[in-house]
Amino acid sequence: MGSVARFLAAPGGREYLVQVPGVAQAPLDDATLAAVMNWMLEKFDHAHVPAGFVPYDAAEIGRLRTKPLTDVETIRKRLLATIDAKP
């Protein structure tokens, strides 16, 4: 807990959170998945949700989940390096 919203601070991090296979392929409709993502960010990592965060909506989820990631580990490492490099 306490780290998922950190990805929102990195370019591509918002997309990453939806495109990881477990999320992109979840058996939920787009609106429900958007609600779950928004709830998860607030519930489990409110401290790192950036000011001005625009909640996910069904249209964004629908667009992003059509492109699930195939190399999750490489992208995750790149995003974490970007996050860790920020002051």
N, C-alpha and C. Protein backbone atom coordinates (compact mmCIF):
# COMPACT_ATOMS: atom_id res chain seq x y z
N MET A 1 0.83 -1.18 0.00
CA MET A 1 0.00 0.00 0.00
C MET A 1 0.88 1.25 0.00
N GLY A 2 0.29 2.35 -0.45
CA GLY A 2 1.00 3.60 -0.36
C GLY A 2 1.97 3.89 -1.48
N SER A 3 1.84 3.23 -2.63
CA SER A 3 2.77 3.53 -3.70
C SER A 3 2.12 3.61 -5.08
N VAL A 4 0.92 3.15 -5.22
CA VAL A 4 0.32 3.07 -6.55
C VAL A 4 0.13 4.44 -7.20
N ALA A 5 -0.27 5.44 -6.47
CA ALA A 5 -0.50 6.76 -7.04
C ALA A 5 0.81 7.45 -7.43
N ARG A 6 1.92 6.98 -6.93
CA ARG A 6 3.21 7.56 -7.32
C ARG A 6 3.41 7.49 -8.83
N PHE A 7 2.84 6.47 -9.47
CA PHE A 7 2.99 6.33 -10.92
C PHE A 7 2.37 7.50 -11.67
N LEU A 8 1.40 8.17 -11.07
CA LEU A 8 0.75 9.30 -11.72
C LEU A 8 1.71 10.47 -11.93
N ALA A 9 2.82 10.49 -11.20
CA ALA A 9 3.80 11.57 -11.31
C ALA A 9 4.76 11.39 -12.48
N ALA A 10 4.76 10.23 -13.10
CA ALA A 10 5.69 9.96 -14.19
C ALA A 10 4.97 10.00 -15.53
N PRO A 11 5.62 10.56 -16.54
CA PRO A 11 5.01 10.51 -17.87
C PRO A 11 4.74 9.06 -18.26
N GLY A 12 3.51 8.77 -18.63
CA GLY A 12 3.13 7.40 -18.99
C GLY A 12 2.62 6.58 -17.82
N GLY A 13 2.76 7.11 -16.61
CA GLY A 13 2.35 6.36 -15.43
C GLY A 13 0.85 6.17 -15.32
N ARG A 14 0.10 7.20 -15.69
CA ARG A 14 -1.36 7.10 -15.66
C ARG A 14 -1.82 5.98 -16.59
N GLU A 15 -1.24 5.94 -17.76
CA GLU A 15 -1.58 4.90 -18.73
C GLU A 15 -1.17 3.53 -18.21
N TYR A 16 0.03 3.46 -17.66
CA TYR A 16 0.56 2.20 -17.13
C TYR A 16 -0.42 1.55 -16.15
N LEU A 17 -0.99 2.34 -15.25
CA LEU A 17 -1.88 1.78 -14.24
C LEU A 17 -3.07 1.06 -14.84
N VAL A 18 -3.49 1.46 -16.01
CA VAL A 18 -4.64 0.82 -16.67
C VAL A 18 -4.18 -0.28 -17.63
N GLN A 19 -3.00 -0.15 -18.18
CA GLN A 19 -2.55 -1.08 -19.21
C GLN A 19 -1.86 -2.33 -18.69
N VAL A 20 -1.56 -2.39 -17.39
CA VAL A 20 -0.99 -3.64 -16.88
C VAL A 20 -2.04 -4.74 -17.11
N PRO A 21 -1.60 -5.94 -17.48
CA PRO A 21 -2.56 -6.98 -17.86
C PRO A 21 -3.66 -7.27 -16.85
N GLY A 22 -3.36 -7.28 -15.57
CA GLY A 22 -4.39 -7.58 -14.57
C GLY A 22 -5.51 -6.56 -14.54
N VAL A 23 -5.20 -5.34 -14.92
CA VAL A 23 -6.22 -4.29 -14.98
C VAL A 23 -6.86 -4.27 -16.36
N ALA A 24 -6.05 -4.21 -17.40
CA ALA A 24 -6.57 -4.11 -18.76
C ALA A 24 -7.50 -5.27 -19.10
N GLN A 25 -7.23 -6.43 -18.54
CA GLN A 25 -8.02 -7.62 -18.87
C GLN A 25 -9.03 -7.99 -17.78
N ALA A 26 -9.23 -7.10 -16.83
CA ALA A 26 -10.20 -7.36 -15.77
C ALA A 26 -11.60 -7.52 -16.36
N PRO A 27 -12.38 -8.43 -15.83
CA PRO A 27 -13.73 -8.67 -16.36
C PRO A 27 -14.76 -7.66 -15.86
N LEU A 28 -14.43 -6.39 -16.01
CA LEU A 28 -15.29 -5.29 -15.59
C LEU A 28 -15.55 -4.40 -16.80
N ASP A 29 -16.72 -3.78 -16.84
CA ASP A 29 -16.94 -2.81 -17.91
C ASP A 29 -16.11 -1.57 -17.63
N ASP A 30 -15.97 -0.73 -18.63
CA ASP A 30 -15.07 0.43 -18.53
C ASP A 30 -15.46 1.39 -17.40
N ALA A 31 -16.75 1.63 -17.22
CA ALA A 31 -17.19 2.55 -16.17
C ALA A 31 -16.88 1.99 -14.78
N THR A 32 -17.11 0.71 -14.60
CA THR A 32 -16.84 0.08 -13.31
C THR A 32 -15.35 0.07 -13.03
N LEU A 33 -14.55 -0.23 -14.04
CA LEU A 33 -13.10 -0.24 -13.85
C LEU A 33 -12.59 1.17 -13.54
N ALA A 34 -13.15 2.19 -14.17
CA ALA A 34 -12.76 3.57 -13.85
C ALA A 34 -13.07 3.87 -12.38
N ALA A 35 -14.23 3.45 -11.93
CA ALA A 35 -14.62 3.69 -10.53
C ALA A 35 -13.67 2.95 -9.59
N VAL A 36 -13.31 1.73 -9.93
CA VAL A 36 -12.39 0.95 -9.09
C VAL A 36 -11.01 1.61 -9.05
N MET A 37 -10.52 2.05 -10.19
CA MET A 37 -9.21 2.70 -10.24
C MET A 37 -9.20 3.98 -9.39
N ASN A 38 -10.22 4.79 -9.53
CA ASN A 38 -10.29 6.04 -8.76
C ASN A 38 -10.40 5.76 -7.27
N TRP A 39 -11.20 4.77 -6.91
CA TRP A 39 -11.35 4.39 -5.50
C TRP A 39 -10.02 3.88 -4.95
N MET A 40 -9.34 3.02 -5.72
CA MET A 40 -8.08 2.43 -5.28
C MET A 40 -7.03 3.52 -5.02
N LEU A 41 -6.93 4.47 -5.91
CA LEU A 41 -5.96 5.55 -5.73
C LEU A 41 -6.24 6.35 -4.47
N GLU A 42 -7.49 6.67 -4.23
CA GLU A 42 -7.86 7.43 -3.03
C GLU A 42 -7.73 6.60 -1.75
N LYS A 43 -8.19 5.38 -1.80
CA LYS A 43 -8.23 4.53 -0.61
C LYS A 43 -6.84 4.07 -0.16
N PHE A 44 -6.01 3.67 -1.12
CA PHE A 44 -4.74 3.04 -0.77
C PHE A 44 -3.51 3.94 -0.91
N ASP A 45 -3.67 5.11 -1.55
CA ASP A 45 -2.49 5.97 -1.69
C ASP A 45 -2.88 7.43 -1.85
N HIS A 46 -3.82 7.88 -1.07
CA HIS A 46 -4.30 9.26 -1.15
C HIS A 46 -3.16 10.27 -1.04
N ALA A 47 -2.16 9.97 -0.24
CA ALA A 47 -1.06 10.91 -0.01
C ALA A 47 -0.27 11.23 -1.28
N HIS A 48 -0.28 10.32 -2.25
CA HIS A 48 0.49 10.55 -3.48
C HIS A 48 -0.37 10.93 -4.68
N VAL A 49 -1.68 11.06 -4.50
CA VAL A 49 -2.52 11.51 -5.61
C VAL A 49 -2.20 12.99 -5.83
N PRO A 50 -1.73 13.34 -7.04
CA PRO A 50 -1.31 14.72 -7.26
C PRO A 50 -2.48 15.70 -7.22
N ALA A 51 -2.18 16.91 -6.82
CA ALA A 51 -3.18 17.98 -6.85
C ALA A 51 -3.66 18.12 -8.29
N GLY A 52 -4.92 18.32 -8.47
CA GLY A 52 -5.47 18.48 -9.81
C GLY A 52 -5.70 17.18 -10.55
N PHE A 53 -5.55 16.06 -9.85
CA PHE A 53 -5.79 14.76 -10.48
C PHE A 53 -7.18 14.72 -11.09
N VAL A 54 -7.24 14.35 -12.35
CA VAL A 54 -8.52 14.18 -13.03
C VAL A 54 -8.85 12.69 -12.97
N PRO A 55 -9.96 12.33 -12.34
CA PRO A 55 -10.30 10.92 -12.22
C PRO A 55 -10.43 10.24 -13.59
N TYR A 56 -10.14 8.96 -13.61
CA TYR A 56 -10.36 8.18 -14.81
C TYR A 56 -11.84 8.17 -15.13
N ASP A 57 -12.16 8.13 -16.41
CA ASP A 57 -13.56 7.94 -16.81
C ASP A 57 -13.64 6.74 -17.75
N ALA A 58 -14.84 6.33 -18.06
CA ALA A 58 -15.05 5.12 -18.87
C ALA A 58 -14.39 5.23 -20.24
N ALA A 59 -14.46 6.39 -20.87
CA ALA A 59 -13.88 6.55 -22.20
C ALA A 59 -12.36 6.37 -22.18
N GLU A 60 -11.71 6.94 -21.18
CA GLU A 60 -10.25 6.79 -21.07
C GLU A 60 -9.87 5.35 -20.80
N ILE A 61 -10.58 4.72 -19.88
CA ILE A 61 -10.31 3.32 -19.58
C ILE A 61 -10.48 2.46 -20.82
N GLY A 62 -11.57 2.68 -21.54
CA GLY A 62 -11.83 1.91 -22.76
C GLY A 62 -10.73 2.06 -23.78
N ARG A 63 -10.23 3.27 -23.93
CA ARG A 63 -9.15 3.53 -24.89
C ARG A 63 -7.85 2.87 -24.45
N LEU A 64 -7.50 3.00 -23.18
CA LEU A 64 -6.22 2.48 -22.69
C LEU A 64 -6.18 0.97 -22.61
N ARG A 65 -7.27 0.35 -22.23
CA ARG A 65 -7.21 -1.10 -22.03
C ARG A 65 -7.19 -1.88 -23.34
N THR A 66 -7.37 -1.21 -24.45
CA THR A 66 -7.24 -1.91 -25.74
C THR A 66 -5.77 -2.13 -26.10
N LYS A 67 -4.87 -1.53 -25.31
CA LYS A 67 -3.43 -1.64 -25.57
C LYS A 67 -2.70 -2.17 -24.33
N PRO A 68 -3.03 -3.40 -23.89
CA PRO A 68 -2.35 -3.92 -22.70
C PRO A 68 -0.85 -4.07 -22.94
N LEU A 69 -0.09 -3.89 -21.88
CA LEU A 69 1.37 -3.97 -21.97
C LEU A 69 1.83 -5.40 -22.14
N THR A 70 2.90 -5.56 -22.89
CA THR A 70 3.50 -6.88 -23.03
C THR A 70 4.82 -6.97 -22.28
N ASP A 71 5.48 -5.86 -22.06
CA ASP A 71 6.75 -5.84 -21.33
C ASP A 71 6.59 -4.99 -20.07
N VAL A 72 5.80 -5.49 -19.16
CA VAL A 72 5.45 -4.75 -17.95
C VAL A 72 6.68 -4.42 -17.12
N GLU A 73 7.57 -5.37 -16.97
CA GLU A 73 8.74 -5.17 -16.10
C GLU A 73 9.62 -4.02 -16.57
N THR A 74 9.90 -3.95 -17.85
CA THR A 74 10.75 -2.88 -18.39
C THR A 74 10.09 -1.52 -18.19
N ILE A 75 8.82 -1.43 -18.47
CA ILE A 75 8.12 -0.16 -18.33
C ILE A 75 8.02 0.24 -16.87
N ARG A 76 7.74 -0.72 -16.01
CA ARG A 76 7.67 -0.43 -14.57
C ARG A 76 9.02 0.10 -14.06
N LYS A 77 10.11 -0.53 -14.45
CA LYS A 77 11.45 -0.08 -14.03
C LYS A 77 11.73 1.34 -14.53
N ARG A 78 11.36 1.64 -15.78
CA ARG A 78 11.58 2.98 -16.33
C ARG A 78 10.76 4.01 -15.56
N LEU A 79 9.50 3.70 -15.29
CA LEU A 79 8.66 4.62 -14.54
C LEU A 79 9.18 4.85 -13.13
N LEU A 80 9.58 3.78 -12.47
CA LEU A 80 10.10 3.92 -11.11
C LEU A 80 11.39 4.73 -11.07
N ALA A 81 12.24 4.55 -12.09
CA ALA A 81 13.48 5.35 -12.15
C ALA A 81 13.15 6.83 -12.31
N THR A 82 12.14 7.13 -13.10
CA THR A 82 11.71 8.52 -13.29
C THR A 82 11.16 9.08 -11.98
N ILE A 83 10.33 8.29 -11.31
CA ILE A 83 9.73 8.73 -10.04
C ILE A 83 10.81 8.95 -8.99
N ASP A 84 11.74 8.01 -8.90
CA ASP A 84 12.80 8.10 -7.88
C ASP A 84 13.77 9.24 -8.15
N ALA A 85 13.88 9.67 -9.40
CA ALA A 85 14.81 10.75 -9.76
C ALA A 85 14.23 12.13 -9.42
N LYS A 86 12.93 12.20 -9.19
CA LYS A 86 12.32 13.49 -8.87
C LYS A 86 12.65 13.88 -7.44
N PRO A 87 12.87 15.20 -7.24
CA PRO A 87 13.21 15.66 -5.89
C PRO A 87 12.04 15.55 -4.93
